[in-house]
């Protein structure tokens, strides 16, 4: 015969009040970067080379407790350029990188 023991594994009480479950856009700083083929990146209308980009990102990350980097690309950017930039950022300990996709509606 088969015997089983059914015990309660455990319970976790969670307080899901409005204060703890709400978030706002102010909590997370979004850093939008547009990757360009000429080894530069544009953010907020300014163009940065790799060294300038690292400086700008580190300053922005210091100012915000939480941040997210969103990478988008110009139409002529190769996958190699895109992946090289992602690798460069990871190597320099810049994380929380997301890929942005343009939603183009053709009329």
Protein backbone atom coordinates (compact mmCIF):
# COMPACT_ATOMS: atom_id res chain seq x y z
CA UNK A 1 0.00 0.00 0.00
CA UNK A 2 1.04 3.56 -0.63
CA UNK A 3 1.06 6.01 2.25
CA UNK A 4 1.29 9.80 2.00
CA UNK A 5 1.65 12.53 4.55
CA UNK A 6 -0.09 15.80 3.64
CA UNK A 7 1.32 18.61 5.75
CA UNK A 8 0.93 22.32 5.30
CA UNK A 9 4.20 23.47 3.82
CA UNK A 10 3.90 27.03 4.98
CA UNK A 11 1.96 30.22 4.61
CA UNK A 12 3.06 33.72 3.87
CA UNK A 13 0.93 36.69 4.85
CA UNK A 14 1.38 39.62 2.51
CA UNK A 15 0.13 43.15 3.03
CA UNK A 16 -0.91 44.38 -0.40
CA UNK A 17 -2.05 47.82 0.61
CA UNK A 18 -2.19 50.62 -1.95
CA UNK A 19 1.07 52.14 -0.75
CA UNK A 20 3.09 49.00 -1.34
CA UNK A 21 1.53 47.94 -4.64
CA UNK A 22 1.49 51.24 -6.49
CA UNK A 23 4.44 52.50 -8.45
CA UNK A 24 4.98 55.59 -10.50
CA UNK A 25 7.21 56.54 -13.39
CA UNK A 26 9.26 58.63 -10.94
CA UNK A 27 10.44 55.45 -9.20
CA UNK A 28 12.34 54.23 -12.27
CA UNK A 29 14.46 56.53 -14.40
CA UNK A 30 14.17 55.57 -18.06
CA UNK A 31 17.30 56.20 -20.10
CA UNK A 32 16.49 55.97 -23.80
CA UNK A 33 19.42 55.44 -26.14
CA UNK A 34 19.34 55.46 -29.93
CA UNK A 35 22.18 53.38 -31.37
CA UNK A 36 23.82 54.80 -34.49
CA UNK A 37 26.02 52.93 -36.97
CA UNK A 38 28.89 55.46 -36.69
CA UNK A 39 29.81 54.18 -33.18
CA UNK A 40 27.86 56.89 -31.42
CA UNK A 41 24.67 56.86 -29.37
CA UNK A 42 22.03 59.57 -29.11
CA UNK A 43 20.10 60.38 -25.94
CA UNK A 44 17.86 63.41 -25.38
CA UNK A 45 19.08 64.99 -28.62
CA UNK A 46 22.78 64.75 -27.68
CA UNK A 47 25.32 62.49 -29.40
CA UNK A 48 27.81 60.51 -27.27
CA UNK A 49 30.85 58.41 -28.12
CA UNK A 50 31.53 55.35 -25.93
CA UNK A 51 33.50 57.14 -23.20
CA UNK A 52 31.04 60.02 -22.99
CA UNK A 53 28.19 57.51 -22.90
CA UNK A 54 29.66 55.72 -19.89
CA UNK A 55 30.09 59.01 -18.03
CA UNK A 56 26.52 60.10 -18.81
CA UNK A 57 25.06 56.73 -17.77
CA UNK A 58 27.00 56.59 -14.51
CA UNK A 59 25.86 60.09 -13.56
CA UNK A 60 22.24 59.24 -14.41
CA UNK A 61 22.43 56.02 -12.40
CA UNK A 62 23.81 57.89 -9.36
CA UNK A 63 20.85 60.27 -9.43
CA UNK A 64 18.22 57.52 -9.56
CA UNK A 65 17.68 54.65 -7.14
CA UNK A 66 16.30 52.52 -9.97
CA UNK A 67 16.91 52.87 -13.67
CA UNK A 68 16.21 51.10 -16.95
CA UNK A 69 18.14 51.56 -20.18
CA UNK A 70 16.17 51.15 -23.39
CA UNK A 71 18.15 50.65 -26.60
CA UNK A 72 16.59 51.43 -29.95
CA UNK A 73 18.36 51.76 -33.26
CA UNK A 74 18.33 53.76 -36.45
CA UNK A 75 17.26 51.86 -39.56
CA UNK A 76 20.81 51.49 -40.92
CA UNK A 77 22.30 49.95 -37.75
CA UNK A 78 23.65 46.43 -38.12
CA UNK A 79 23.06 43.70 -35.56
CA UNK A 80 26.80 43.62 -34.97
CA UNK A 81 26.86 47.27 -33.90
CA UNK A 82 23.83 46.75 -31.68
CA UNK A 83 25.31 43.68 -29.99
CA UNK A 84 28.74 45.32 -29.67
CA UNK A 85 27.19 48.20 -27.73
CA UNK A 86 25.28 45.82 -25.47
CA UNK A 87 28.48 43.88 -24.79
CA UNK A 88 30.39 47.13 -24.13
CA UNK A 89 27.79 48.21 -21.58
CA UNK A 90 27.76 44.83 -19.84
CA UNK A 91 31.57 44.76 -19.71
CA UNK A 92 31.48 48.15 -17.97
CA UNK A 93 28.93 46.89 -15.43
CA UNK A 94 26.01 48.78 -16.92
CA UNK A 95 23.01 46.50 -16.60
CA UNK A 96 19.22 46.54 -16.75
CA UNK A 97 19.27 46.98 -20.52
CA UNK A 98 16.13 46.44 -22.57
CA UNK A 99 15.61 46.37 -26.31
CA UNK A 100 13.13 48.91 -27.59
CA UNK A 101 11.05 48.08 -30.63
CA UNK A 102 9.39 50.73 -32.74
CA UNK A 103 5.74 50.15 -33.45
CA UNK A 104 5.33 51.41 -36.99
CA UNK A 105 1.80 51.60 -38.28
CA UNK A 106 1.58 51.80 -42.05
CA UNK A 107 -1.29 53.79 -43.46
